[in-house]
C-alpha atoms as a PDB file:
ATOM      1  CA  MET A   1     -54.252 -41.913 -49.190  1.00  0.00           C
ATOM      2  CA  ALA A   2     -51.624 -39.500 -51.238  1.00  0.00           C
ATOM      3  CA  LEU A   3     -49.519 -37.243 -49.570  1.00  0.00           C
ATOM      4  CA  PRO A   4     -48.860 -33.774 -51.053  1.00  0.00           C
ATOM      5  CA  GLY A   5     -45.629 -33.104 -52.262  1.00  0.00           C
ATOM      6  CA  PHE A   6     -42.719 -30.963 -50.116  1.00  0.00           C
ATOM      7  CA  THR A   7     -39.087 -29.974 -50.529  1.00  0.00           C
ATOM      8  CA  GLN A   8     -36.638 -31.185 -48.234  1.00  0.00           C
ATOM      9  CA  ARG A   9     -36.368 -28.385 -46.338  1.00  0.00           C
ATOM     10  CA  GLU A  10     -39.981 -28.222 -45.577  1.00  0.00           C
ATOM     11  CA  PHE A  11     -39.599 -31.739 -44.486  1.00  0.00           C
ATOM     12  CA  LEU A  12     -36.541 -31.142 -42.633  1.00  0.00           C
ATOM     13  CA  LYS A  13     -38.033 -28.005 -40.819  1.00  0.00           C
ATOM     14  CA  ALA A  14     -41.133 -29.828 -40.045  1.00  0.00           C
ATOM     15  CA  ARG A  15     -38.966 -32.280 -38.170  1.00  0.00           C
ATOM     16  CA  GLY A  16     -36.821 -29.579 -36.503  1.00  0.00           C
ATOM     17  CA  ARG A  17     -33.756 -30.411 -38.532  1.00  0.00           C
ATOM     18  CA  SER A  18     -32.051 -28.019 -41.164  1.00  0.00           C
ATOM     19  CA  SER A  19     -28.221 -28.445 -40.857  1.00  0.00           C
ATOM     20  CA  PRO A  20     -26.457 -29.046 -44.172  1.00  0.00           C
ATOM     21  CA  ALA A  21     -25.778 -32.602 -42.855  1.00  0.00           C
ATOM     22  CA  ALA A  22     -29.450 -33.589 -42.246  1.00  0.00           C
ATOM     23  CA  LEU A  23     -30.279 -32.463 -45.931  1.00  0.00           C
ATOM     24  CA  SER A  24     -27.199 -34.631 -47.254  1.00  0.00           C
ATOM     25  CA  ARG A  25     -28.830 -37.602 -45.191  1.00  0.00           C
ATOM     26  CA  ALA A  26     -31.984 -36.768 -46.675  1.00  0.00           C
ATOM     27  CA  ARG A  27     -30.848 -37.547 -50.154  1.00  0.00           C
ATOM     28  CA  ASN A  28     -29.912 -40.878 -48.891  1.00  0.00           C
ATOM     29  CA  VAL A  29     -33.126 -41.998 -47.819  1.00  0.00           C
ATOM     30  CA  ARG A  30     -33.575 -44.110 -51.149  1.00  0.00           C
ATOM     31  CA  ARG A  31     -31.029 -46.401 -50.126  1.00  0.00           C
ATOM     32  CA  ILE A  32     -32.009 -46.472 -46.591  1.00  0.00           C
ATOM     33  CA  THR A  33     -35.355 -47.885 -47.563  1.00  0.00           C
ATOM     34  CA  GLY A  34     -34.024 -49.990 -50.026  1.00  0.00           C
ATOM     35  CA  GLY A  35     -34.453 -48.116 -52.973  1.00  0.00           C
ATOM     36  CA  GLY A  36     -38.224 -48.612 -53.513  1.00  0.00           C
ATOM     37  CA  GLY A  37     -41.222 -46.674 -52.171  1.00  0.00           C
ATOM     38  CA  ALA A  38     -41.069 -42.725 -51.921  1.00  0.00           C
ATOM     39  CA  GLY A  39     -38.462 -40.892 -53.522  1.00  0.00           C
ATOM     40  CA  PHE A  40     -37.666 -37.220 -54.731  1.00  0.00           C
ATOM     41  CA  THR A  41     -39.062 -35.862 -57.520  1.00  0.00           C
ATOM     42  CA  SER A  42     -37.137 -33.916 -60.504  1.00  0.00           C
ATOM     43  CA  ARG A  43     -37.843 -30.616 -58.670  1.00  0.00           C
ATOM     44  CA  ARG A  44     -36.492 -32.273 -55.492  1.00  0.00           C
ATOM     45  CA  GLY A  45     -39.747 -32.435 -53.775  1.00  0.00           C
ATOM     46  CA  PHE A  46     -40.301 -35.445 -51.562  1.00  0.00           C
ATOM     47  CA  ILE A  47     -43.104 -37.185 -52.954  1.00  0.00           C
ATOM     48  CA  PRO A  48     -44.792 -40.638 -52.149  1.00  0.00           C
ATOM     49  CA  LYS A  49     -45.346 -43.115 -55.071  1.00  0.00           C
ATOM     50  CA  ARG A  50     -48.762 -43.525 -56.233  1.00  0.00           C
ATOM     51  CA  GLY A  51     -49.893 -46.718 -54.360  1.00  0.00           C
ATOM     52  CA  ALA A  52     -47.172 -46.731 -51.748  1.00  0.00           C
ATOM     53  CA  GLY A  53     -49.389 -46.315 -48.896  1.00  0.00           C
ATOM     54  CA  ARG A  54     -50.663 -49.670 -47.180  1.00  0.00           C
ATOM     55  CA  GLU A  55     -53.854 -49.587 -46.390  1.00  0.00           C
ATOM     56  CA  GLY A  56     -55.668 -52.731 -45.080  1.00  0.00           C
ATOM     57  CA  GLY A  57     -52.541 -54.442 -46.269  1.00  0.00           C
ATOM     58  CA  ARG A  58     -52.551 -53.351 -49.886  1.00  0.00           C
ATOM     59  CA  GLY A  59     -49.333 -52.244 -51.649  1.00  0.00           C
ATOM     60  CA  GLY A  60     -46.020 -52.997 -51.354  1.00  0.00           C
ATOM     61  CA  GLY A  61     -44.271 -49.719 -50.617  1.00  0.00           C
ATOM     62  CA  PRO A  62     -43.184 -48.153 -47.351  1.00  0.00           C
ATOM     63  CA  THR A  63     -45.890 -45.796 -45.482  1.00  0.00           C
ATOM     64  CA  ALA A  64     -44.769 -42.076 -44.754  1.00  0.00           C
ATOM     65  CA  GLU A  65     -44.311 -43.069 -41.031  1.00  0.00           C
ATOM     66  CA  GLU A  66     -42.068 -45.722 -41.896  1.00  0.00           C
ATOM     67  CA  LEU A  67     -40.090 -43.412 -44.252  1.00  0.00           C
ATOM     68  CA  ALA A  68     -39.794 -40.804 -41.477  1.00  0.00           C
ATOM     69  CA  ALA A  69     -38.684 -43.363 -39.413  1.00  0.00           C
ATOM     70  CA  ALA A  70     -36.053 -44.414 -41.488  1.00  0.00           C
ATOM     71  CA  PHE A  71     -34.937 -40.894 -42.028  1.00  0.00           C
ATOM     72  CA  LEU A  72     -34.691 -40.070 -38.589  1.00  0.00           C
ATOM     73  CA  ALA A  73     -32.842 -43.022 -37.645  1.00  0.00           C
ATOM     74  CA  ALA A  74     -30.420 -41.980 -40.638  1.00  0.00           C
ATOM     75  CA  SER A  75     -30.294 -38.678 -39.130  1.00  0.00           C
ATOM     76  CA  GLY A  76     -29.056 -39.988 -35.835  1.00  0.00           C
ATOM     77  CA  GLY A  77     -32.087 -39.938 -33.787  1.00  0.00           C
ATOM     78  CA  GLY A  78     -35.795 -39.322 -33.486  1.00  0.00           C
ATOM     79  CA  GLY A  79     -37.785 -36.304 -31.642  1.00  0.00           C
ATOM     80  CA  GLY A  80     -38.320 -33.173 -33.246  1.00  0.00           C
ATOM     81  CA  GLY A  81     -36.732 -29.826 -32.764  1.00  0.00           C
ATOM     82  CA  GLY A  82     -33.286 -31.472 -31.567  1.00  0.00           C
ATOM     83  CA  GLY A  83     -31.163 -29.895 -34.225  1.00  0.00           C
ATOM     84  CA  ARG A  84     -29.404 -26.604 -34.465  1.00  0.00           C
ATOM     85  CA  SER A  85     -28.941 -24.425 -37.620  1.00  0.00           C
ATOM     86  CA  GLN A  86     -25.782 -23.326 -38.665  1.00  0.00           C
ATOM     87  CA  ALA A  87     -26.402 -19.909 -37.431  1.00  0.00           C
ATOM     88  CA  ASP A  88     -27.410 -21.240 -33.972  1.00  0.00           C
ATOM     89  CA  GLU A  89     -24.228 -22.891 -33.913  1.00  0.00           C
ATOM     90  CA  LEU A  90     -22.359 -19.695 -34.576  1.00  0.00           C
ATOM     91  CA  SER A  91     -24.454 -17.705 -32.409  1.00  0.00           C
ATOM     92  CA  LEU A  92     -23.741 -20.299 -29.494  1.00  0.00           C
ATOM     93  CA  ILE A  93     -20.009 -20.510 -30.169  1.00  0.00           C
ATOM     94  CA  ARG A  94     -19.968 -16.318 -30.305  1.00  0.00           C
ATOM     95  CA  GLU A  95     -21.854 -16.308 -26.988  1.00  0.00           C
ATOM     96  CA  GLN A  96     -19.533 -18.943 -25.386  1.00  0.00           C
ATOM     97  CA  ALA A  97     -16.569 -16.908 -26.840  1.00  0.00           C
ATOM     98  CA  ARG A  98     -18.208 -13.957 -25.331  1.00  0.00           C
ATOM     99  CA  LEU A  99     -18.518 -15.397 -21.782  1.00  0.00           C
ATOM    100  CA  GLY A 100     -15.091 -16.722 -21.955  1.00  0.00           C
ATOM    101  CA  SER A 101     -13.601 -13.389 -22.674  1.00  0.00           C
ATOM    102  CA  GLU A 102     -15.755 -11.722 -19.754  1.00  0.00           C
ATOM    103  CA  GLU A 103     -14.394 -14.372 -17.419  1.00  0.00           C
ATOM    104  CA  SER A 104     -10.627 -13.780 -18.700  1.00  0.00           C
ATOM    105  CA  SER A 105     -11.298 -10.220 -18.233  1.00  0.00           C
ATOM    106  CA  ARG A 106     -12.842 -10.809 -14.594  1.00  0.00           C
ATOM    107  CA  GLU A 107      -9.484 -13.105 -13.993  1.00  0.00           C
ATOM    108  CA  ARG A 108      -7.053 -10.396 -15.122  1.00  0.00           C
ATOM    109  CA  ALA A 109      -8.786  -7.517 -13.381  1.00  0.00           C
ATOM    110  CA  ALA A 110      -8.755  -9.857  -9.895  1.00  0.00           C
ATOM    111  CA  ALA A 111      -5.081 -10.816 -10.690  1.00  0.00           C
ATOM    112  CA  GLU A 112      -4.277  -7.001 -11.153  1.00  0.00           C
ATOM    113  CA  ARG A 113      -5.973  -6.219  -7.770  1.00  0.00           C
ATOM    114  CA  GLN A 114      -4.051  -8.596  -6.033  1.00  0.00           C
ATOM    115  CA  ALA A 115      -0.974  -7.730  -7.706  1.00  0.00           C
ATOM    116  CA  GLU A 116      -1.568  -3.812  -6.155  1.00  0.00           C
ATOM    117  CA  LEU A 117      -2.636  -5.416  -2.967  1.00  0.00           C
ATOM    118  CA  ASN A 118       0.576  -7.229  -2.827  1.00  0.00           C
ATOM    119  CA  ARG A 119       2.506  -4.288  -3.846  1.00  0.00           C
ATOM    120  CA  ALA A 120       0.727  -1.856  -0.863  1.00  0.00           C
ATOM    121  CA  PHE A 121       1.606  -4.764   1.582  1.00  0.00           C
ATOM    122  CA  GLU A 122       5.282  -4.673   0.442  1.00  0.00           C
ATOM    123  CA  ARG A 123       5.428  -0.738   0.562  1.00  0.00           C
ATOM    124  CA  ALA A 124       3.791  -0.763   4.109  1.00  0.00           C
ATOM    125  CA  GLN A 125       6.301  -3.175   5.154  1.00  0.00           C
ATOM    126  CA  GLU A 126       9.083  -1.267   3.880  1.00  0.00           C
ATOM    127  CA  GLN A 127       7.893   2.048   5.403  1.00  0.00           C
ATOM    128  CA  LYS A 128       7.450   0.141   8.793  1.00  0.00           C
ATOM    129  CA  ARG A 129      10.874  -1.094   8.474  1.00  0.00           C
ATOM    130  CA  LEU A 130      12.321   2.460   7.491  1.00  0.00           C
ATOM    131  CA  GLU A 131      10.590   3.897  10.675  1.00  0.00           C
ATOM    132  CA  GLU A 132      11.768   1.228  12.885  1.00  0.00           C
ATOM    133  CA  GLU A 133      15.229   2.196  11.628  1.00  0.00           C
ATOM    134  CA  ARG A 134      14.666   5.677  12.055  1.00  0.00           C
ATOM    135  CA  ARG A 135      13.273   5.120  15.799  1.00  0.00           C
ATOM    136  CA  GLN A 136      16.489   3.107  16.560  1.00  0.00           C
ATOM    137  CA  GLN A 137      18.506   5.610  15.239  1.00  0.00           C
ATOM    138  CA  ALA A 138      17.011   8.474  17.150  1.00  0.00           C
ATOM    139  CA  ALA A 139      16.998   6.344  20.485  1.00  0.00           C
ATOM    140  CA  ALA A 140      20.931   6.063  19.863  1.00  0.00           C
ATOM    141  CA  LEU A 141      21.293   9.584  19.352  1.00  0.00           C
ATOM    142  CA  GLN A 142      19.032  10.146  22.399  1.00  0.00           C
ATOM    143  CA  ALA A 143      21.441   7.857  24.440  1.00  0.00           C
ATOM    144  CA  GLN A 144      24.492   9.896  22.957  1.00  0.00           C
ATOM    145  CA  ARG A 145      23.036  13.271  24.292  1.00  0.00           C
ATOM    146  CA  GLN A 146      22.463  11.652  27.618  1.00  0.00           C
ATOM    147  CA  GLU A 147      26.166  10.652  27.966  1.00  0.00           C
ATOM    148  CA  VAL A 148      27.075  14.083  26.835  1.00  0.00           C
ATOM    149  CA  PHE A 149      25.011  15.809  29.398  1.00  0.00           C
ATOM    150  CA  ASN A 150      26.297  13.424  32.031  1.00  0.00           C
ATOM    151  CA  SER A 151      30.137  14.189  31.218  1.00  0.00           C
ATOM    152  CA  LEU A 152      29.264  17.941  31.241  1.00  0.00           C
ATOM    153  CA  ILE A 153      26.880  18.649  34.287  1.00  0.00           C
ATOM    154  CA  GLY A 154      29.807  18.062  37.013  1.00  0.00           C
ATOM    155  CA  LYS A 155      32.318  20.293  35.353  1.00  0.00           C
ATOM    156  CA  ASP A 156      30.093  22.756  33.008  1.00  0.00           C
ATOM    157  CA  PRO A 157      26.670  22.812  34.755  1.00  0.00           C
ATOM    158  CA  VAL A 158      25.003  25.720  32.917  1.00  0.00           C
ATOM    159  CA  ARG A 159      26.358  24.688  29.465  1.00  0.00           C
ATOM    160  CA  ALA A 160      25.099  21.067  30.132  1.00  0.00           C
ATOM    161  CA  ILE A 161      21.438  22.001  30.970  1.00  0.00           C
ATOM    162  CA  LEU A 162      21.592  24.354  27.752  1.00  0.00           C
ATOM    163  CA  PHE A 163      22.375  21.067  25.811  1.00  0.00           C
ATOM    164  CA  ALA A 164      20.036  18.712  27.585  1.00  0.00           C
ATOM    165  CA  MET A 165      17.083  21.405  26.696  1.00  0.00           C
ATOM    166  CA  GLY A 166      18.390  21.545  23.064  1.00  0.00           C
ATOM    167  CA  ILE A 167      20.303  24.897  22.983  1.00  0.00           C
ATOM    168  CA  GLY A 168      23.781  25.557  21.912  1.00  0.00           C
ATOM    169  CA  PRO A 169      26.361  24.674  19.102  1.00  0.00           C
ATOM    170  CA  GLU A 170      26.978  20.984  20.863  1.00  0.00           C
ATOM    171  CA  ALA A 171      23.312  20.503  20.765  1.00  0.00           C
ATOM    172  CA  ASP A 172      22.657  21.823  17.328  1.00  0.00           C
ATOM    173  CA  ILE A 173      24.811  18.758  15.938  1.00  0.00           C
ATOM    174  CA  PHE A 174      22.540  16.374  17.469  1.00  0.00           C
ATOM    175  CA  SER A 175      19.432  18.172  16.308  1.00  0.00           C
ATOM    176  CA  THR A 176      20.641  18.394  12.542  1.00  0.00           C
ATOM    177  CA  GLN A 177      20.992  14.548  12.820  1.00  0.00           C
ATOM    178  CA  ILE A 178      17.769  13.960  14.602  1.00  0.00           C
ATOM    179  CA  LYS A 179      15.977  16.100  11.888  1.00  0.00           C
ATOM    180  CA  SER A 180      17.550  14.164   9.096  1.00  0.00           C
ATOM    181  CA  LEU A 181      15.466  10.980  10.605  1.00  0.00           C
ATOM    182  CA  GLY A 182      12.373  13.030  10.320  1.00  0.00           C
ATOM    183  CA  ALA A 183      12.179  13.653  14.040  1.00  0.00           C
ATOM    184  CA  THR A 184      12.326  16.627  16.398  1.00  0.00           C
ATOM    185  CA  GLN A 185      14.688  16.946  19.486  1.00  0.00           C
ATOM    186  CA  THR A 186      13.469  17.023  22.771  1.00  0.00           C
ATOM    187  CA  PRO A 187      14.533  18.109  26.027  1.00  0.00           C
ATOM    188  CA  LEU A 188      16.292  15.443  28.160  1.00  0.00           C
ATOM    189  CA  ALA A 189      14.303  13.622  30.881  1.00  0.00           C
ATOM    190  CA  GLY A 190      14.600  15.541  34.344  1.00  0.00           C
ATOM    191  CA  VAL A 191      16.040  18.544  32.571  1.00  0.00           C
ATOM    192  CA  GLY A 192      13.303  21.115  33.850  1.00  0.00           C
ATOM    193  CA  GLN A 193      13.868  20.444  37.440  1.00  0.00           C
ATOM    194  CA  SER A 194      17.833  20.851  36.791  1.00  0.00           C
ATOM    195  CA  LYS A 195      17.207  24.006  35.033  1.00  0.00           C
ATOM    196  CA  LEU A 196      15.040  25.238  37.688  1.00  0.00           C
ATOM    197  CA  GLN A 197      17.518  24.504  40.608  1.00  0.00           C
ATOM    198  CA  THR A 198      20.466  26.170  38.732  1.00  0.00           C
ATOM    199  CA  GLU A 199      18.242  29.580  38.109  1.00  0.00           C
ATOM    200  CA  THR A 200      17.683  29.370  41.729  1.00  0.00           C
ATOM    201  CA  ALA A 201      21.397  29.272  42.751  1.00  0.00           C
ATOM    202  CA  LEU A 202      22.655  31.743  40.334  1.00  0.00           C
ATOM    203  CA  SER A 203      19.868  34.224  41.397  1.00  0.00           C
ATOM    204  CA  GLY A 204      20.764  34.066  44.936  1.00  0.00           C
ATOM    205  CA  LEU A 205      24.688  34.422  44.439  1.00  0.00           C
ATOM    206  CA  LEU A 206      23.968  37.443  42.049  1.00  0.00           C
ATOM    207  CA  GLY A 207      21.218  38.889  43.724  1.00  0.00           C
ATOM    208  CA  ARG A 208      19.021  39.046  40.855  1.00  0.00           C
ATOM    209  CA  SER A 209      16.477  36.886  38.751  1.00  0.00           C
ATOM    210  CA  ILE A 210      18.483  34.805  36.261  1.00  0.00           C
ATOM    211  CA  GLN A 211      17.167  32.912  33.733  1.00  0.00           C
ATOM    212  CA  LEU A 212      18.639  30.202  31.372  1.00  0.00           C
ATOM    213  CA  GLY A 213      17.136  29.735  27.911  1.00  0.00           C
ATOM    214  CA  ALA A 214      17.912  30.190  24.162  1.00  0.00           C
ATOM    215  CA  GLY A 215      19.901  33.483  24.715  1.00  0.00           C
ATOM    216  CA  GLY A 216      22.231  31.869  27.198  1.00  0.00           C
ATOM    217  CA  VAL A 217      22.134  33.235  30.558  1.00  0.00           C
ATOM    218  CA  SER A 218      19.832  36.321  30.982  1.00  0.00           C
ATOM    219  CA  ASN A 219      20.565  39.036  33.388  1.00  0.00           C
ATOM    220  CA  LEU A 220      23.978  37.932  34.314  1.00  0.00           C
ATOM    221  CA  GLY A 221      26.056  41.324  34.492  1.00  0.00           C
ATOM    222  CA  GLY A 222      29.480  41.869  34.166  1.00  0.00           C
ATOM    223  CA  ALA A 223      32.088  39.520  35.658  1.00  0.00           C
ATOM    224  CA  GLU A 224      33.281  42.315  38.201  1.00  0.00           C
ATOM    225  CA  GLN A 225      29.803  42.267  39.767  1.00  0.00           C
ATOM    226  CA  ALA A 226      30.054  38.330  40.734  1.00  0.00           C
ATOM    227  CA  ALA A 227      33.411  38.999  42.551  1.00  0.00           C
ATOM    228  CA  GLN A 228      32.038  38.868  46.003  1.00  0.00           C
ATOM    229  CA  ALA A 229      30.145  35.735  45.440  1.00  0.00           C
ATOM    230  CA  PHE A 230      32.797  34.180  43.454  1.00  0.00           C
ATOM    231  CA  GLN A 231      35.358  34.778  46.220  1.00  0.00           C
ATOM    232  CA  SER A 232      33.405  34.184  48.954  1.00  0.00           C
ATOM    233  CA  GLY A 233      31.778  30.642  47.559  1.00  0.00           C
ATOM    234  CA  GLY A 234      33.437  27.181  47.611  1.00  0.00           C
ATOM    235  CA  ALA A 235      34.743  25.325  44.630  1.00  0.00           C
ATOM    236  CA  GLN A 236      30.776  24.155  43.456  1.00  0.00           C
ATOM    237  CA  VAL A 237      29.985  28.066  43.642  1.00  0.00           C
ATOM    238  CA  GLN A 238      32.967  29.414  41.527  1.00  0.00           C
ATOM    239  CA  ASN A 239      32.457  26.294  39.003  1.00  0.00           C
ATOM    240  CA  LEU A 240      28.842  27.256  38.729  1.00  0.00           C
ATOM    241  CA  LEU A 241      29.859  31.128  38.218  1.00  0.00           C
ATOM    242  CA  THR A 242      32.363  29.849  35.887  1.00  0.00           C
ATOM    243  CA  SER A 243      30.099  27.952  33.569  1.00  0.00           C
ATOM    244  CA  ALA A 244      27.704  30.761  33.411  1.00  0.00           C
ATOM    245  CA  PHE A 245      30.098  33.331  32.574  1.00  0.00           C
ATOM    246  CA  GLY A 246      31.634  30.948  30.026  1.00  0.00           C
ATOM    247  CA  VAL A 247      28.304  30.507  28.619  1.00  0.00           C
ATOM    248  CA  GLY A 248      27.529  34.262  28.304  1.00  0.00           C
ATOM    249  CA  GLY A 249      23.896  35.835  27.795  1.00  0.00           C
ATOM    250  CA  THR A 250      22.355  38.379  25.765  1.00  0.00           C
ATOM    251  CA  ARG A 251      24.351  41.250  26.951  1.00  0.00           C
ATOM    252  CA  GLY A 252      27.822  39.725  26.087  1.00  0.00           C
ATOM    253  CA  ALA A 253      29.576  36.344  24.680  1.00  0.00           C
ATOM    254  CA  GLY A 254      31.060  34.066  27.242  1.00  0.00           C
ATOM    255  CA  ILE A 255      34.431  34.094  28.618  1.00  0.00           C
ATOM    256  CA  SER A 256      36.790  31.780  29.555  1.00  0.00           C
ATOM    257  CA  ALA A 257      37.783  31.007  33.207  1.00  0.00           C
ATOM    258  CA  GLU A 258      41.141  32.693  33.188  1.00  0.00           C
ATOM    259  CA  GLU A 259      39.646  35.776  32.133  1.00  0.00           C
ATOM    260  CA  LEU A 260      36.920  35.476  34.907  1.00  0.00           C
ATOM    261  CA  ILE A 261      39.461  35.186  37.302  1.00  0.00           C
ATOM    262  CA  GLN A 262      41.592  38.121  35.910  1.00  0.00           C
ATOM    263  CA  ARG A 263      38.605  40.223  35.797  1.00  0.00           C
ATOM    264  CA  ILE A 264      37.499  39.473  39.523  1.00  0.00           C
ATOM    265  CA  GLY A 265      41.090  39.812  40.762  1.00  0.00           C
ATOM    266  CA  ALA A 266      41.289  43.352  39.096  1.00  0.00           C
ATOM    267  CA  VAL A 267      38.445  44.169  41.873  1.00  0.00           C
ATOM    268  CA  THR A 268      39.648  42.231  44.891  1.00  0.00           C
ATOM    269  CA  PRO A 269      42.195  43.016  47.269  1.00  0.00           C
ATOM    270  CA  THR A 270      45.150  41.115  47.174  1.00  0.00           C
ATOM    271  CA  GLY A 271      45.255  38.284  49.309  1.00  0.00           C
ATOM    272  CA  VAL A 272      41.334  37.898  49.239  1.00  0.00           C
ATOM    273  CA  LEU A 273      40.599  36.046  46.177  1.00  0.00           C
ATOM    274  CA  GLN A 274      40.615  32.364  46.515  1.00  0.00           C
ATOM    275  CA  GLN A 275      40.817  30.006  43.755  1.00  0.00           C
END
């Protein structure tokens, strides 16, 4: 039975092979099959020779099945549809490159996110370190304030209480330092009770309501008005009044202990004033 002529590409396409290498191998089918049998025509059609088929054992040429088997063996294996065209190969390469690029982009993005997390962690740690450092410095300043208060309370009680409340030039020094640390100066512990006791004592000695605050000692009056309380009181009373007048109030600046005694002495009969 004679087979119709077909081109190499048609034959290869039917067998699922269209790569240039497969075409090249097709040209060598003659040599693979021993140079006889089927061959290519001048128009490069793949045409079996007349009488090439064996039927009932007649004819000496190879059959079409033998030629196909020989070609498949030469092309590297059997089974149709196994090969890829150059376009398919390029498409596959491009797809692999795209996937690789996307994976690289994801990896870079993940690395950048991790780097940013690391930087944020480092910033947070540095912030914690600075906050702890400021806290320790503020605590040290608070301890110094307490020491100053303890040293003042015995000899200058009114000034000491105002200092503990954060009032006065001495307190301003600490307030400036504490503010530089981002903190706020707060009254020392227990100063509220000491303030109330001192106000009560001064009010009783001077016969009028006395308040301690930002303006100093309010409603203090003149030194002469405190002469009787001063000369009749003991050392603690005189120390308290001297401290109060040393601070002064809204009606006048403070005066020294020497000036206080002079003013009181001016209105006190000789021999009555006791120091």
